[in-house]
Amino acid sequence: MSDFRESFDVDRRPEDVWAYVVDPSHLPEWQQSAVSAEPLDPGPTGVGSRLRITRHVGRRDMPMTMKYTEFDPPHAWGMEGVDGPIRGHFRGEITPLDDGRRSRVTMDLDFEGHGIGKILLPLVVRPQVRKELPHNERLLKDLLEHGAA
């Protein structure tokens, strides 16, 4: 079972949702703590591809490297942190609804603390994520339904 699990329905086709959520340039648009995100590997994205994501955590901007562990367009994607004191384990799933005219987006998120991260995780990270996730979900839904191309 994951630390955090969110699910919501959106009035967009799974292919449209997929194209938006896996494009790292969009991450800061719908994730409140994301400052920037950029691919680290040339070529098409797939399992093993890495991203450098900088997040505002507490009072600091923290860069971290995430690696795709699953990449199944337009159904599911998974990522795990490979460095830093806090390492996220994320899985997203897009389920078609209404014969593919709408989608259900489900996101699961766990964390693993290393070194000082073991202290930061319960004191800073989990409370921030608990507060941020509902906002991110609403923002993503709104962008997909009204603002995303």
C-alpha atoms as a PDB file:
ATOM      1  CA  MET A   1       0.000   0.000   0.000  1.00  0.00           C
ATOM      2  CA  SER A   2       1.300   3.454  -0.880  1.00  0.00           C
ATOM      3  CA  ASP A   3       1.704   6.431   1.446  1.00  0.00           C
ATOM      4  CA  PHE A   4      -0.517   8.509  -0.832  1.00  0.00           C
ATOM      5  CA  ARG A   5      -3.120   7.477  -3.404  1.00  0.00           C
ATOM      6  CA  GLU A   6      -5.212   9.911  -5.433  1.00  0.00           C
ATOM      7  CA  SER A   7      -7.739   9.205  -8.160  1.00  0.00           C
ATOM      8  CA  PHE A   8      -9.903  11.546 -10.231  1.00  0.00           C
ATOM      9  CA  ASP A   9     -11.877  11.567 -13.460  1.00  0.00           C
ATOM     10  CA  VAL A  10     -11.102  13.987 -16.266  1.00  0.00           C
ATOM     11  CA  ASP A  11     -12.943  14.933 -19.450  1.00  0.00           C
ATOM     12  CA  ARG A  12     -10.046  14.109 -21.789  1.00  0.00           C
ATOM     13  CA  ARG A  13      -9.061  11.048 -23.794  1.00  0.00           C
ATOM     14  CA  PRO A  14      -6.368   8.812 -22.259  1.00  0.00           C
ATOM     15  CA  GLU A  15      -3.965   9.690 -25.092  1.00  0.00           C
ATOM     16  CA  ASP A  16      -4.310  13.414 -24.318  1.00  0.00           C
ATOM     17  CA  VAL A  17      -3.816  12.855 -20.582  1.00  0.00           C
ATOM     18  CA  TRP A  18      -0.763  10.682 -21.263  1.00  0.00           C
ATOM     19  CA  ALA A  19       0.858  13.221 -23.583  1.00  0.00           C
ATOM     20  CA  TYR A  20       0.524  15.924 -20.942  1.00  0.00           C
ATOM     21  CA  VAL A  21       1.510  14.075 -17.761  1.00  0.00           C
ATOM     22  CA  VAL A  22       4.639  12.361 -19.130  1.00  0.00           C
ATOM     23  CA  ASP A  23       6.034  15.550 -20.705  1.00  0.00           C
ATOM     24  CA  PRO A  24       8.509  16.808 -18.065  1.00  0.00           C
ATOM     25  CA  SER A  25       8.149  20.418 -19.230  1.00  0.00           C
ATOM     26  CA  HIS A  26       4.587  20.388 -17.840  1.00  0.00           C
ATOM     27  CA  LEU A  27       5.505  19.155 -14.354  1.00  0.00           C
ATOM     28  CA  PRO A  28       5.957  22.651 -12.816  1.00  0.00           C
ATOM     29  CA  GLU A  29       2.564  23.644 -14.267  1.00  0.00           C
ATOM     30  CA  TRP A  30       0.625  21.132 -12.173  1.00  0.00           C
ATOM     31  CA  GLN A  31       2.876  20.175  -9.258  1.00  0.00           C
ATOM     32  CA  GLN A  32       3.131  22.921  -6.690  1.00  0.00           C
ATOM     33  CA  SER A  33       6.584  21.915  -5.382  1.00  0.00           C
ATOM     34  CA  ALA A  34       8.150  21.285  -8.822  1.00  0.00           C
ATOM     35  CA  VAL A  35      10.502  24.113  -9.781  1.00  0.00           C
ATOM     36  CA  SER A  36      11.865  22.493 -12.946  1.00  0.00           C
ATOM     37  CA  ALA A  37      12.130  19.154 -14.747  1.00  0.00           C
ATOM     38  CA  GLU A  38      14.351  18.100 -17.622  1.00  0.00           C
ATOM     39  CA  PRO A  39      15.240  14.827 -19.322  1.00  0.00           C
ATOM     40  CA  LEU A  40      18.807  13.628 -18.752  1.00  0.00           C
ATOM     41  CA  ASP A  41      18.972  11.068 -21.540  1.00  0.00           C
ATOM     42  CA  PRO A  42      18.806  11.654 -25.319  1.00  0.00           C
ATOM     43  CA  GLY A  43      16.295   9.843 -27.477  1.00  0.00           C
ATOM     44  CA  PRO A  44      12.777   8.656 -26.787  1.00  0.00           C
ATOM     45  CA  THR A  45      11.542   8.238 -23.222  1.00  0.00           C
ATOM     46  CA  GLY A  46      11.146   4.705 -21.887  1.00  0.00           C
ATOM     47  CA  VAL A  47      11.999   2.405 -18.996  1.00  0.00           C
ATOM     48  CA  GLY A  48      15.398   3.462 -17.666  1.00  0.00           C
ATOM     49  CA  SER A  49      15.122   7.075 -18.898  1.00  0.00           C
ATOM     50  CA  ARG A  50      16.064   9.632 -16.265  1.00  0.00           C
ATOM     51  CA  LEU A  51      14.749  13.078 -15.322  1.00  0.00           C
ATOM     52  CA  ARG A  52      16.317  15.770 -13.151  1.00  0.00           C
ATOM     53  CA  ILE A  53      13.507  17.309 -11.101  1.00  0.00           C
ATOM     54  CA  THR A  54      14.093  20.243  -8.773  1.00  0.00           C
ATOM     55  CA  ARG A  55      11.516  20.551  -5.996  1.00  0.00           C
ATOM     56  CA  HIS A  56      10.949  23.192  -3.372  1.00  0.00           C
ATOM     57  CA  VAL A  57      10.941  21.220  -0.109  1.00  0.00           C
ATOM     58  CA  GLY A  58      10.630  23.110   3.142  1.00  0.00           C
ATOM     59  CA  ARG A  59      12.820  26.164   2.607  1.00  0.00           C
ATOM     60  CA  ARG A  60      15.139  24.702  -0.035  1.00  0.00           C
ATOM     61  CA  ASP A  61      15.191  23.775  -3.686  1.00  0.00           C
ATOM     62  CA  MET A  62      16.336  20.152  -3.915  1.00  0.00           C
ATOM     63  CA  PRO A  63      17.409  18.570  -7.221  1.00  0.00           C
ATOM     64  CA  MET A  64      16.752  14.859  -7.554  1.00  0.00           C
ATOM     65  CA  THR A  65      17.090  12.257 -10.267  1.00  0.00           C
ATOM     66  CA  MET A  66      14.102  10.085 -11.104  1.00  0.00           C
ATOM     67  CA  LYS A  67      14.232   7.008 -13.353  1.00  0.00           C
ATOM     68  CA  TYR A  68      11.296   5.525 -15.264  1.00  0.00           C
ATOM     69  CA  THR A  69      10.545   2.021 -14.008  1.00  0.00           C
ATOM     70  CA  GLU A  70       7.411   1.606 -16.127  1.00  0.00           C
ATOM     71  CA  PHE A  71       6.388   3.263 -19.385  1.00  0.00           C
ATOM     72  CA  ASP A  72       3.272   1.834 -21.044  1.00  0.00           C
ATOM     73  CA  PRO A  73       1.593   4.489 -23.246  1.00  0.00           C
ATOM     74  CA  PRO A  74      -1.145   5.577 -22.722  1.00  0.00           C
ATOM     75  CA  HIS A  75      -1.905   3.406 -19.686  1.00  0.00           C
ATOM     76  CA  ALA A  76       0.733   3.565 -16.947  1.00  0.00           C
ATOM     77  CA  TRP A  77       4.057   5.043 -15.941  1.00  0.00           C
ATOM     78  CA  GLY A  78       6.250   4.577 -12.915  1.00  0.00           C
ATOM     79  CA  MET A  79       9.275   6.380 -11.559  1.00  0.00           C
ATOM     80  CA  GLU A  80      11.679   6.031  -8.665  1.00  0.00           C
ATOM     81  CA  GLY A  81      14.184   8.359  -7.093  1.00  0.00           C
ATOM     82  CA  VAL A  82      17.792   7.229  -7.491  1.00  0.00           C
ATOM     83  CA  ASP A  83      19.617   9.855  -5.428  1.00  0.00           C
ATOM     84  CA  GLY A  84      19.158  12.333  -2.630  1.00  0.00           C
ATOM     85  CA  PRO A  85      17.974  11.991   0.958  1.00  0.00           C
ATOM     86  CA  ILE A  86      14.308  11.535  -0.019  1.00  0.00           C
ATOM     87  CA  ARG A  87      13.493   9.082  -2.816  1.00  0.00           C
ATOM     88  CA  GLY A  88      10.025   8.914  -4.218  1.00  0.00           C
ATOM     89  CA  HIS A  89       8.382   5.861  -5.727  1.00  0.00           C
ATOM     90  CA  PHE A  90       5.574   6.932  -8.044  1.00  0.00           C
ATOM     91  CA  ARG A  91       3.098   5.057 -10.233  1.00  0.00           C
ATOM     92  CA  GLY A  92       0.435   6.647 -12.415  1.00  0.00           C
ATOM     93  CA  GLU A  93      -2.349   4.890 -14.258  1.00  0.00           C
ATOM     94  CA  ILE A  94      -4.809   6.179 -16.843  1.00  0.00           C
ATOM     95  CA  THR A  95      -8.027   4.186 -17.270  1.00  0.00           C
ATOM     96  CA  PRO A  96     -10.339   4.899 -20.216  1.00  0.00           C
ATOM     97  CA  LEU A  97     -13.956   5.793 -19.376  1.00  0.00           C
ATOM     98  CA  ASP A  98     -17.001   6.262 -21.626  1.00  0.00           C
ATOM     99  CA  ASP A  99     -15.500   4.393 -24.588  1.00  0.00           C
ATOM    100  CA  GLY A 100     -12.259   6.361 -24.329  1.00  0.00           C
ATOM    101  CA  ARG A 101     -13.821   9.839 -24.296  1.00  0.00           C
ATOM    102  CA  ARG A 102     -12.870  10.403 -20.633  1.00  0.00           C
ATOM    103  CA  SER A 103     -10.178   9.110 -18.297  1.00  0.00           C
ATOM    104  CA  ARG A 104      -9.601   8.157 -14.686  1.00  0.00           C
ATOM    105  CA  VAL A 105      -6.159   9.136 -13.418  1.00  0.00           C
ATOM    106  CA  THR A 106      -4.787   7.258 -10.405  1.00  0.00           C
ATOM    107  CA  MET A 107      -1.513   8.217  -8.756  1.00  0.00           C
ATOM    108  CA  ASP A 108       0.332   6.314  -6.031  1.00  0.00           C
ATOM    109  CA  LEU A 109       3.284   7.802  -4.177  1.00  0.00           C
ATOM    110  CA  ASP A 110       5.626   6.347  -1.550  1.00  0.00           C
ATOM    111  CA  PHE A 111       8.834   7.694  -0.074  1.00  0.00           C
ATOM    112  CA  GLU A 112      12.065   6.282   1.245  1.00  0.00           C
ATOM    113  CA  GLY A 113      14.400   8.325   3.456  1.00  0.00           C
ATOM    114  CA  HIS A 114      18.199   8.013   3.359  1.00  0.00           C
ATOM    115  CA  GLY A 115      20.501   9.659   5.906  1.00  0.00           C
ATOM    116  CA  ILE A 116      18.981  12.991   6.951  1.00  0.00           C
ATOM    117  CA  GLY A 117      15.978  12.065   4.794  1.00  0.00           C
ATOM    118  CA  LYS A 118      14.828   9.662   7.509  1.00  0.00           C
ATOM    119  CA  ILE A 119      14.285  12.716   9.722  1.00  0.00           C
ATOM    120  CA  LEU A 120      12.960  15.032   6.992  1.00  0.00           C
ATOM    121  CA  LEU A 121      10.425  12.517   5.702  1.00  0.00           C
ATOM    122  CA  PRO A 122       7.962  12.596   8.639  1.00  0.00           C
ATOM    123  CA  LEU A 123       8.706  16.183   9.701  1.00  0.00           C
ATOM    124  CA  VAL A 124       8.735  18.041   6.382  1.00  0.00           C
ATOM    125  CA  VAL A 125       8.075  15.912   3.307  1.00  0.00           C
ATOM    126  CA  ARG A 126       4.944  13.923   4.214  1.00  0.00           C
ATOM    127  CA  PRO A 127       3.118  16.953   5.689  1.00  0.00           C
ATOM    128  CA  GLN A 128       3.990  19.027   2.611  1.00  0.00           C
ATOM    129  CA  VAL A 129       2.837  16.271   0.238  1.00  0.00           C
ATOM    130  CA  ARG A 130      -0.382  15.717   2.225  1.00  0.00           C
ATOM    131  CA  LYS A 131      -1.175  19.420   1.809  1.00  0.00           C
ATOM    132  CA  GLU A 132      -0.010  19.675  -1.814  1.00  0.00           C
ATOM    133  CA  LEU A 133      -1.573  16.586  -3.432  1.00  0.00           C
ATOM    134  CA  PRO A 134      -5.229  17.716  -3.430  1.00  0.00           C
ATOM    135  CA  HIS A 135      -4.140  21.047  -4.934  1.00  0.00           C
ATOM    136  CA  ASN A 136      -2.065  19.276  -7.614  1.00  0.00           C
ATOM    137  CA  GLU A 137      -4.974  16.995  -8.477  1.00  0.00           C
ATOM    138  CA  ARG A 138      -7.376  19.926  -8.932  1.00  0.00           C
ATOM    139  CA  LEU A 139      -4.806  21.861 -10.952  1.00  0.00           C
ATOM    140  CA  LEU A 140      -4.042  18.895 -13.231  1.00  0.00           C
ATOM    141  CA  LYS A 141      -7.748  18.241 -13.811  1.00  0.00           C
ATOM    142  CA  ASP A 142      -8.358  21.923 -14.623  1.00  0.00           C
ATOM    143  CA  LEU A 143      -5.370  22.150 -16.973  1.00  0.00           C
ATOM    144  CA  LEU A 144      -6.380  18.966 -18.792  1.00  0.00           C
ATOM    145  CA  GLU A 145      -9.996  20.012 -19.187  1.00  0.00           C
ATOM    146  CA  HIS A 146      -9.517  23.720 -19.899  1.00  0.00           C
ATOM    147  CA  GLY A 147      -5.919  24.652 -20.564  1.00  0.00           C
ATOM    148  CA  ALA A 148      -3.707  21.842 -21.839  1.00  0.00           C
ATOM    149  CA  ALA A 149      -3.273  21.437 -25.561  1.00  0.00           C
END
